[in-house]
Amino acid sequence: MNFAKYALAAALCAASSTAFITPKNARVSRYNAGQQVPSRVMAATLDTPTTEADAGPSVMRPPIDFVWSDVASQLVEKFGYSQAEVDMYD
């Protein structure tokens, strides 16, 4: 039993100590010492930015327009509500 305790403690120490060790390639640059690092980075841009004007607000979904009598009947028939429970919501 003591061996299991010591083995677990050693495994935890080894696992936690690797969190503080940097990888071998952590400081390696992708440019070698003899290569020249590019001085500027160029990006493509549009001559004039264009945006499309929205005609109105975009609706993600249609509005919820349920008839209460249909919903109430489904609560009673399909979900087992009593009529008294459904009347509390009315």
N, C-alpha and C. Protein backbone atom coordinates (compact mmCIF):
# COMPACT_ATOMS: atom_id res chain seq x y z
N MET A 1 0.82 -1.19 0.00
CA MET A 1 0.00 0.00 0.00
C MET A 1 0.87 1.25 0.00
N ASN A 2 1.99 1.20 0.74
CA ASN A 2 2.87 2.35 0.78
C ASN A 2 3.49 2.61 -0.58
N PHE A 3 3.75 1.53 -1.32
CA PHE A 3 4.32 1.69 -2.66
C PHE A 3 3.37 2.45 -3.56
N ALA A 4 2.08 2.15 -3.46
CA ALA A 4 1.08 2.82 -4.30
C ALA A 4 1.03 4.31 -3.98
N LYS A 5 1.14 4.67 -2.69
CA LYS A 5 1.14 6.08 -2.30
C LYS A 5 2.35 6.80 -2.88
N TYR A 6 3.52 6.16 -2.76
CA TYR A 6 4.73 6.79 -3.27
C TYR A 6 4.73 6.86 -4.80
N ALA A 7 4.20 5.84 -5.43
CA ALA A 7 4.13 5.85 -6.89
C ALA A 7 3.19 6.94 -7.38
N LEU A 8 2.07 7.12 -6.69
CA LEU A 8 1.13 8.17 -7.06
C LEU A 8 1.75 9.55 -6.84
N ALA A 9 2.43 9.72 -5.73
CA ALA A 9 3.08 11.01 -5.44
C ALA A 9 4.16 11.31 -6.48
N ALA A 10 4.94 10.31 -6.86
CA ALA A 10 5.97 10.52 -7.87
C ALA A 10 5.37 10.86 -9.22
N ALA A 11 4.27 10.20 -9.57
CA ALA A 11 3.63 10.49 -10.85
C ALA A 11 3.07 11.90 -10.86
N LEU A 12 2.47 12.34 -9.76
CA LEU A 12 1.94 13.70 -9.69
C LEU A 12 3.06 14.73 -9.77
N CYS A 13 4.16 14.48 -9.10
CA CYS A 13 5.29 15.42 -9.16
C CYS A 13 5.86 15.50 -10.56
N ALA A 14 5.99 14.37 -11.22
CA ALA A 14 6.54 14.36 -12.57
C ALA A 14 5.60 15.06 -13.54
N ALA A 15 4.30 14.87 -13.38
CA ALA A 15 3.34 15.49 -14.29
C ALA A 15 3.29 16.99 -14.07
N SER A 16 3.35 17.43 -12.82
CA SER A 16 3.25 18.87 -12.56
C SER A 16 4.55 19.59 -12.90
N SER A 17 5.68 18.91 -12.80
CA SER A 17 6.94 19.58 -13.09
C SER A 17 7.12 19.81 -14.58
N THR A 18 6.50 19.02 -15.43
CA THR A 18 6.64 19.23 -16.87
C THR A 18 5.89 20.45 -17.33
N ALA A 19 4.99 20.98 -16.51
CA ALA A 19 4.28 22.18 -16.89
C ALA A 19 5.19 23.40 -16.86
N PHE A 20 6.29 23.34 -16.13
CA PHE A 20 7.19 24.48 -16.00
C PHE A 20 8.43 24.36 -16.89
N ILE A 21 8.53 23.31 -17.66
CA ILE A 21 9.68 23.13 -18.54
C ILE A 21 9.29 23.60 -19.93
N THR A 22 10.08 24.49 -20.51
CA THR A 22 9.77 24.99 -21.85
C THR A 22 10.19 23.96 -22.89
N PRO A 23 9.45 23.86 -23.99
CA PRO A 23 9.84 22.93 -25.05
C PRO A 23 11.18 23.33 -25.66
N LYS A 24 11.83 22.38 -26.30
CA LYS A 24 13.15 22.63 -26.86
C LYS A 24 13.10 23.68 -27.97
N ASN A 25 11.99 23.74 -28.71
CA ASN A 25 11.91 24.66 -29.84
C ASN A 25 11.11 25.92 -29.50
N ALA A 26 11.02 26.29 -28.21
CA ALA A 26 10.19 27.43 -27.82
C ALA A 26 10.78 28.75 -28.29
N ARG A 27 12.09 28.86 -28.33
CA ARG A 27 12.72 30.13 -28.71
C ARG A 27 13.30 30.10 -30.12
N VAL A 28 13.00 29.09 -30.87
CA VAL A 28 13.55 28.97 -32.21
C VAL A 28 12.72 29.82 -33.15
N SER A 29 13.36 30.71 -33.85
CA SER A 29 12.68 31.55 -34.84
C SER A 29 12.57 30.78 -36.14
N ARG A 30 11.61 31.15 -36.94
CA ARG A 30 11.51 30.45 -38.22
C ARG A 30 12.55 30.97 -39.21
N TYR A 31 13.24 32.05 -38.83
CA TYR A 31 14.32 32.56 -39.66
C TYR A 31 15.64 32.17 -39.02
N ASN A 32 16.53 31.64 -39.79
CA ASN A 32 17.85 31.29 -39.27
C ASN A 32 18.67 32.56 -39.09
N ALA A 33 19.79 32.44 -38.45
CA ALA A 33 20.63 33.61 -38.17
C ALA A 33 21.10 34.28 -39.46
N GLY A 34 21.30 33.53 -40.53
CA GLY A 34 21.82 34.10 -41.77
C GLY A 34 20.74 34.71 -42.65
N GLN A 35 19.49 34.43 -42.39
CA GLN A 35 18.42 34.96 -43.23
C GLN A 35 17.99 36.34 -42.77
N GLN A 36 17.54 37.12 -43.75
CA GLN A 36 17.08 38.46 -43.42
C GLN A 36 15.58 38.42 -43.12
N VAL A 37 15.19 39.07 -42.07
CA VAL A 37 13.79 39.13 -41.69
C VAL A 37 13.12 40.20 -42.54
N PRO A 38 11.96 39.91 -43.14
CA PRO A 38 11.31 40.94 -43.95
C PRO A 38 10.96 42.15 -43.11
N SER A 39 11.18 43.34 -43.67
CA SER A 39 11.00 44.56 -42.91
C SER A 39 9.56 45.03 -42.89
N ARG A 40 8.77 44.68 -43.88
CA ARG A 40 7.38 45.11 -43.89
C ARG A 40 6.50 44.00 -44.45
N VAL A 41 5.29 44.04 -44.06
CA VAL A 41 4.33 43.06 -44.53
C VAL A 41 3.32 43.80 -45.39
N MET A 42 3.06 43.26 -46.57
CA MET A 42 2.13 43.91 -47.48
C MET A 42 0.82 43.14 -47.50
N ALA A 43 -0.28 43.87 -47.61
CA ALA A 43 -1.59 43.25 -47.65
C ALA A 43 -2.39 43.86 -48.79
N ALA A 44 -3.24 43.06 -49.38
CA ALA A 44 -4.09 43.56 -50.45
C ALA A 44 -5.30 44.25 -49.85
N THR A 45 -5.67 45.40 -50.41
CA THR A 45 -6.86 46.11 -49.95
C THR A 45 -7.70 46.50 -51.15
N LEU A 46 -8.94 46.80 -50.90
CA LEU A 46 -9.83 47.27 -51.95
C LEU A 46 -9.58 48.75 -52.17
N ASP A 47 -9.82 49.20 -53.40
CA ASP A 47 -9.65 50.63 -53.68
C ASP A 47 -10.64 51.46 -52.87
N THR A 48 -11.90 51.11 -52.96
CA THR A 48 -12.92 51.81 -52.17
C THR A 48 -13.77 50.75 -51.48
N PRO A 49 -13.84 50.78 -50.20
CA PRO A 49 -14.66 49.80 -49.51
C PRO A 49 -16.14 50.01 -49.84
N THR A 50 -16.82 48.92 -50.09
CA THR A 50 -18.24 49.00 -50.41
C THR A 50 -19.02 48.18 -49.41
N THR A 51 -20.17 48.69 -49.04
CA THR A 51 -21.07 47.96 -48.16
C THR A 51 -22.45 48.02 -48.76
N GLU A 52 -23.19 46.96 -48.57
CA GLU A 52 -24.55 46.93 -49.06
C GLU A 52 -25.47 47.49 -47.99
N ALA A 53 -26.35 48.39 -48.40
CA ALA A 53 -27.28 48.99 -47.46
C ALA A 53 -28.44 48.03 -47.22
N ASP A 54 -28.79 47.85 -45.98
CA ASP A 54 -29.90 46.97 -45.65
C ASP A 54 -31.21 47.71 -45.88
N ALA A 55 -32.17 46.99 -46.44
CA ALA A 55 -33.48 47.58 -46.67
C ALA A 55 -34.24 47.71 -45.35
N GLY A 56 -33.97 46.85 -44.42
CA GLY A 56 -34.64 46.88 -43.12
C GLY A 56 -33.99 45.88 -42.20
N PRO A 57 -34.54 45.72 -41.05
CA PRO A 57 -33.95 44.75 -40.11
C PRO A 57 -34.11 43.32 -40.63
N SER A 58 -33.10 42.53 -40.41
CA SER A 58 -33.18 41.14 -40.84
C SER A 58 -33.78 40.32 -39.71
N VAL A 59 -34.77 39.53 -40.04
CA VAL A 59 -35.45 38.71 -39.05
C VAL A 59 -34.85 37.32 -39.10
N MET A 60 -34.42 36.85 -37.95
CA MET A 60 -33.78 35.54 -37.91
C MET A 60 -34.81 34.42 -37.99
N ARG A 61 -35.99 34.65 -37.49
CA ARG A 61 -37.03 33.64 -37.53
C ARG A 61 -38.37 34.35 -37.56
N PRO A 62 -39.38 33.69 -38.03
CA PRO A 62 -40.69 34.32 -38.02
C PRO A 62 -41.21 34.46 -36.59
N PRO A 63 -42.10 35.41 -36.34
CA PRO A 63 -42.61 35.58 -34.98
C PRO A 63 -43.45 34.38 -34.55
N ILE A 64 -43.50 34.17 -33.25
CA ILE A 64 -44.27 33.06 -32.71
C ILE A 64 -45.70 33.53 -32.54
N ASP A 65 -46.58 33.11 -33.43
CA ASP A 65 -47.99 33.48 -33.38
C ASP A 65 -48.83 32.22 -33.25
N PHE A 66 -48.89 31.68 -32.03
CA PHE A 66 -49.68 30.49 -31.79
C PHE A 66 -51.03 30.88 -31.23
N VAL A 67 -52.03 30.15 -31.60
CA VAL A 67 -53.36 30.35 -31.04
C VAL A 67 -53.41 29.61 -29.71
N TRP A 68 -53.83 30.31 -28.64
CA TRP A 68 -53.78 29.73 -27.30
C TRP A 68 -54.66 28.49 -27.18
N SER A 69 -55.75 28.47 -27.86
CA SER A 69 -56.63 27.30 -27.73
C SER A 69 -55.95 26.04 -28.28
N ASP A 70 -55.16 26.20 -29.35
CA ASP A 70 -54.42 25.05 -29.88
C ASP A 70 -53.32 24.59 -28.92
N VAL A 71 -52.64 25.55 -28.33
CA VAL A 71 -51.57 25.22 -27.38
C VAL A 71 -52.16 24.55 -26.14
N ALA A 72 -53.28 25.08 -25.66
CA ALA A 72 -53.91 24.52 -24.47
C ALA A 72 -54.38 23.09 -24.71
N SER A 73 -54.94 22.82 -25.88
CA SER A 73 -55.39 21.46 -26.17
C SER A 73 -54.21 20.50 -26.29
N GLN A 74 -53.07 20.96 -26.83
CA GLN A 74 -51.88 20.11 -26.91
C GLN A 74 -51.32 19.81 -25.52
N LEU A 75 -51.38 20.80 -24.62
CA LEU A 75 -50.90 20.57 -23.26
C LEU A 75 -51.72 19.49 -22.56
N VAL A 76 -52.99 19.49 -22.80
CA VAL A 76 -53.86 18.49 -22.17
C VAL A 76 -53.68 17.14 -22.82
N GLU A 77 -53.72 17.09 -24.16
CA GLU A 77 -53.72 15.81 -24.88
C GLU A 77 -52.34 15.14 -24.91
N LYS A 78 -51.31 15.91 -25.24
CA LYS A 78 -50.00 15.30 -25.48
C LYS A 78 -49.07 15.31 -24.27
N PHE A 79 -49.24 16.29 -23.38
CA PHE A 79 -48.31 16.42 -22.27
C PHE A 79 -48.93 16.06 -20.94
N GLY A 80 -50.20 15.73 -20.90
CA GLY A 80 -50.82 15.22 -19.69
C GLY A 80 -51.18 16.27 -18.65
N TYR A 81 -51.27 17.53 -19.04
CA TYR A 81 -51.70 18.56 -18.10
C TYR A 81 -53.19 18.38 -17.83
N SER A 82 -53.59 18.74 -16.63
CA SER A 82 -55.03 18.74 -16.35
C SER A 82 -55.60 20.07 -16.82
N GLN A 83 -56.90 20.11 -16.97
CA GLN A 83 -57.54 21.33 -17.44
C GLN A 83 -57.36 22.46 -16.42
N ALA A 84 -57.31 22.12 -15.14
CA ALA A 84 -57.10 23.12 -14.10
C ALA A 84 -55.71 23.73 -14.20
N GLU A 85 -54.71 22.90 -14.51
CA GLU A 85 -53.34 23.42 -14.68
C GLU A 85 -53.24 24.34 -15.87
N VAL A 86 -53.91 24.00 -16.96
CA VAL A 86 -53.88 24.84 -18.16
C VAL A 86 -54.63 26.14 -17.90
N ASP A 87 -55.71 26.10 -17.13
CA ASP A 87 -56.47 27.30 -16.83
C ASP A 87 -55.68 28.29 -15.98
N MET A 88 -54.68 27.80 -15.22
CA MET A 88 -53.86 28.71 -14.42
C MET A 88 -53.03 29.62 -15.33
N TYR A 89 -52.67 29.17 -16.52
CA TYR A 89 -51.87 29.96 -17.45
C TYR A 89 -52.71 30.89 -18.31
N ASP A 90 -54.01 30.68 -18.31
CA ASP A 90 -54.89 31.46 -19.19
C ASP A 90 -55.16 32.81 -18.61
